[in-house]
Every structure is written in C-alpha cells, then in structure tokens.
Protein backbone atom coordinates (compact mmCIF):
# COMPACT_ATOMS: atom_id res chain seq x y z
CA MET A 1 23.32 -7.46 34.34
CA PHE A 2 21.86 -4.51 32.49
CA SER A 3 21.93 -4.41 28.72
CA THR A 4 25.45 -3.69 27.45
CA PRO A 5 25.89 -2.45 23.85
CA SER A 6 29.27 -4.15 23.27
CA ILE A 7 27.91 -7.51 24.46
CA ASN A 8 24.70 -7.18 22.45
CA LEU A 9 26.55 -6.12 19.31
CA SER A 10 28.99 -9.02 19.67
CA GLN A 11 25.96 -11.25 18.98
CA PHE A 12 25.07 -9.29 15.82
CA HIS A 13 26.97 -9.65 12.58
CA LEU A 14 28.67 -6.30 11.84
CA GLU A 15 31.64 -6.00 9.49
CA PRO A 16 33.95 -3.21 8.37
CA GLY A 17 32.40 -1.26 5.51
CA MET A 18 28.76 -1.84 6.49
CA VAL A 19 26.18 0.94 6.59
CA VAL A 20 24.24 0.81 9.86
CA ALA A 21 21.30 2.82 11.21
CA ASP A 22 21.02 3.30 14.98
CA LEU A 23 17.30 4.05 15.24
CA GLY A 24 16.55 5.87 18.47
CA CYS A 25 20.24 6.37 19.26
CA GLY A 26 19.78 8.34 22.49
CA ILE A 27 23.17 9.35 23.87
CA GLY A 28 24.99 7.13 21.38
CA ALA A 29 25.85 4.11 23.53
CA TYR A 30 25.31 1.81 20.54
CA THR A 31 26.36 4.40 17.95
CA PHE A 32 29.97 4.64 19.12
CA GLU A 33 30.36 0.87 19.43
CA ILE A 34 28.87 0.37 15.95
CA ALA A 35 31.24 3.03 14.55
CA LYS A 36 34.24 1.05 15.89
CA ARG A 37 32.97 -2.20 14.40
CA VAL A 38 32.23 -0.89 10.89
CA GLY A 39 35.48 1.08 10.81
CA SER A 40 36.50 3.98 8.64
CA THR A 41 35.08 2.34 5.51
CA GLY A 42 31.66 1.95 7.16
CA LYS A 43 28.97 4.48 7.94
CA VAL A 44 26.62 4.94 10.90
CA PHE A 45 23.42 6.96 10.80
CA ALA A 46 22.45 7.86 14.37
CA LEU A 47 18.80 8.98 14.47
CA ASP A 48 16.78 10.30 17.39
CA VAL A 49 13.78 12.56 17.97
CA GLN A 50 15.47 14.48 20.79
CA LYS A 51 17.56 17.21 19.21
CA VAL A 52 19.63 17.70 22.35
CA LEU A 53 20.73 14.05 22.18
CA ILE A 54 21.59 14.31 18.48
CA GLU A 55 23.69 17.38 19.26
CA LYS A 56 25.44 15.43 22.06
CA VAL A 57 26.25 12.55 19.71
CA ALA A 58 27.52 14.95 17.02
CA ASN A 59 29.65 16.85 19.54
CA GLU A 60 31.11 13.63 20.96
CA CYS A 61 32.00 12.45 17.45
CA LYS A 62 33.73 15.73 16.75
CA ARG A 63 35.57 15.68 20.08
CA GLU A 64 36.71 12.05 19.61
CA GLY A 65 37.56 12.39 15.90
CA ILE A 66 34.91 9.90 14.83
CA HIS A 67 34.23 10.60 11.14
CA ASN A 68 31.95 7.73 10.13
CA VAL A 69 28.84 8.86 12.04
CA SER A 70 26.07 11.15 10.81
CA ALA A 71 23.85 12.27 13.68
CA LEU A 72 20.41 13.10 12.30
CA TRP A 73 17.25 14.40 13.89
CA ASP A 74 14.33 12.18 12.91
CA ASP A 75 10.98 11.38 14.44
CA LEU A 76 10.60 7.62 14.04
CA ASP A 77 6.82 8.14 14.38
CA ASP A 78 6.70 10.77 11.63
CA ALA A 79 4.07 10.22 8.94
CA ASP A 80 6.79 10.78 6.30
CA GLY A 81 8.80 7.86 7.66
CA ILE A 82 12.45 7.44 8.54
CA GLY A 83 14.57 9.95 6.63
CA LEU A 84 16.89 7.43 4.98
CA GLN A 85 16.81 6.17 1.39
CA ASP A 86 15.12 2.93 0.35
CA GLN A 87 17.33 -0.16 0.68
CA SER A 88 20.36 1.89 1.76
CA ILE A 89 21.17 0.17 5.06
CA ASP A 90 22.96 -3.14 5.71
CA ARG A 91 22.03 -3.38 9.40
CA ALA A 92 19.74 -1.54 11.82
CA VAL A 93 19.93 -1.36 15.58
CA ILE A 94 16.77 -0.61 17.54
CA ALA A 95 17.69 -0.48 21.21
CA ASN A 96 15.41 0.68 24.01
CA ALA A 97 13.21 2.53 21.54
CA LEU A 98 10.13 0.40 20.81
CA PHE A 99 8.34 1.41 23.99
CA GLN A 100 8.50 5.02 22.78
CA ILE A 101 7.06 4.38 19.29
CA ASP A 102 3.35 4.97 18.78
CA ASP A 103 2.79 2.65 15.82
CA ILE A 104 5.19 -0.29 15.86
CA GLN A 105 3.65 -1.81 12.73
CA LYS A 106 4.26 1.36 10.70
CA PHE A 107 7.76 1.56 12.15
CA ALA A 108 8.45 -2.05 11.09
CA VAL A 109 7.41 -1.17 7.53
CA GLU A 110 9.88 1.73 7.55
CA VAL A 111 12.72 -0.42 8.89
CA LYS A 112 12.03 -2.89 6.10
CA ARG A 113 12.02 -0.05 3.53
CA ILE A 114 15.48 1.23 4.51
CA LEU A 115 17.14 -2.19 4.82
CA LYS A 116 18.75 -3.87 1.84
CA ASN A 117 17.52 -7.32 0.84
CA LYS A 118 18.86 -9.78 3.45
CA GLY A 119 19.60 -6.80 5.72
CA GLN A 120 19.24 -7.49 9.42
CA ALA A 121 18.01 -5.64 12.47
CA LEU A 122 18.98 -6.11 16.09
CA VAL A 123 16.06 -5.35 18.39
CA VAL A 124 16.75 -4.86 22.10
CA ASP A 125 14.16 -3.55 24.52
CA TRP A 126 12.98 -3.69 28.09
CA SER A 127 11.35 -6.92 29.26
CA GLU A 128 10.31 -5.33 32.56
CA SER A 129 10.49 -2.19 34.61
CA PHE A 130 13.22 -2.46 37.17
CA GLY A 131 13.42 -0.33 40.28
CA GLY A 132 12.05 2.76 38.56
CA ILE A 133 14.48 2.41 35.65
CA GLY A 134 13.12 2.04 32.14
CA PRO A 135 9.55 2.40 30.93
CA THR A 136 6.47 2.05 33.06
CA PRO A 137 5.03 -1.48 33.10
CA GLN A 138 2.17 -0.35 30.82
CA ALA A 139 4.60 1.01 28.22
CA ILE A 140 6.66 -2.15 27.83
CA ILE A 141 6.42 -3.80 24.41
CA THR A 142 6.76 -7.53 24.91
CA LYS A 143 9.14 -9.55 22.80
CA GLU A 144 6.19 -11.43 21.33
CA ARG A 145 4.40 -8.22 20.31
CA ALA A 146 7.56 -6.73 18.82
CA LEU A 147 8.45 -9.88 16.90
CA ASP A 148 4.89 -10.22 15.63
CA ALA A 149 4.92 -6.64 14.28
CA PHE A 150 8.10 -7.30 12.31
CA LYS A 151 7.00 -10.72 11.06
CA LYS A 152 3.72 -9.24 9.77
CA VAL A 153 5.65 -7.06 7.33
CA GLY A 154 7.90 -9.85 6.10
CA PHE A 155 10.83 -10.07 8.50
CA VAL A 156 12.17 -13.50 9.38
CA PHE A 157 13.36 -14.36 12.88
CA ILE A 158 17.07 -15.29 12.90
CA LYS A 159 17.99 -15.73 16.57
CA ASP A 160 17.58 -14.55 20.13
CA VAL A 161 20.24 -12.38 21.72
CA ASN A 162 21.13 -12.46 25.40
CA ALA A 163 20.51 -8.80 26.18
CA GLY A 164 20.74 -8.83 29.98
CA ASP A 165 18.46 -9.50 32.91
CA HIS A 166 15.88 -6.79 32.20
CA HIS A 167 15.91 -6.79 28.40
CA TYR A 168 15.14 -9.09 25.52
CA GLY A 169 16.91 -9.12 22.20
CA PHE A 170 16.55 -10.75 18.81
CA VAL A 171 17.87 -10.50 15.27
CA ILE A 172 15.51 -10.42 12.30
CA GLN A 173 16.18 -10.38 8.56
CA CYS A 174 14.52 -8.48 5.76
CA ASN A 175 13.66 -10.69 2.81
CA THR A 176 12.32 -8.49 0.04
C-alpha cells in the first residue's frame, strides 16, 4: 500500500475549527482532506515552493468551492523562514517533503516557531525508493534522522503512524 492521506490523517488528531499548515503541499492531496476535517470554521495554509502547484491547489479550491484554504508560495528552505506568524498553527502536516529540504534542523526550528504550544506535526516521508517512484536512495531522510532533527529543537515524540509500505510516519508535539 502506498501512503494514503485519508488513512494517515485518520491517525492524526484534527478537529473542526483548527488551523493547519500543509508544508510542502504539492498537488494538495493532504490539503483537501485536511480542509474537510477542519471544516468551514477551520483554516488550512497550503505552502509549496513550486508556484505551478500552488496555482493548481488554488484553482481546485475555487472550482470545488473550498473556502477554508489559502494556497501560498513559500520556499521552506528560505533564510527568512516559513511565511506564517509565530504560534499561529494548531497542527502541521509535512508529507513527502523532508527529502527535498536542504537544512532539516533549520526547518524543524521554523515548524516549532509557527506551532502553538502543544501543537502537533504529522511527519510522513519515504522510507525507501520503490520502482523509480519517490526520491533517489541517497536523498531519503530516514525516520531516525528526521525524528532526531525535531527532538533537538524541543519536539516530543507522540506516536508512530502506519503510513504505508514505502513510507514512515510519526506525530510529534511542540512543547514551548
């Protein structure tokens, strides 16, 4: 089984009214599922470095009448950090993005900055290359390396998530 956003998010505590950041949203596979779960009283910030993907997400929201998503261009490796306010986010989703980030430690600091105290992040990424799908073997960020980067900046491990045969997943919490 490949990684399925609805299954992964069912293992992550999202409630109506929450503010969630989808960091590295791509085509919006997680974004649209998050939007359903947080409902009309919630808010989703979908961020990606590829402008064409952000435009796709924004156009899909418009076409489907989804009003609780803001699709924003943002370089998660930018020296100025993630373009969201300090402690403004209840939950963050980081799916299939870590292998594309140059400085995971700096990224972890930024995720901590935008999350509210006791805010949580769901991290899902590739555990292996599979038949030419996903990152090259050299680009894979292991679960141990990812978890270590987040723990070093003060995140606490909450639980593992079954993210499919070729992915790992875990939930961490920001304790500021």
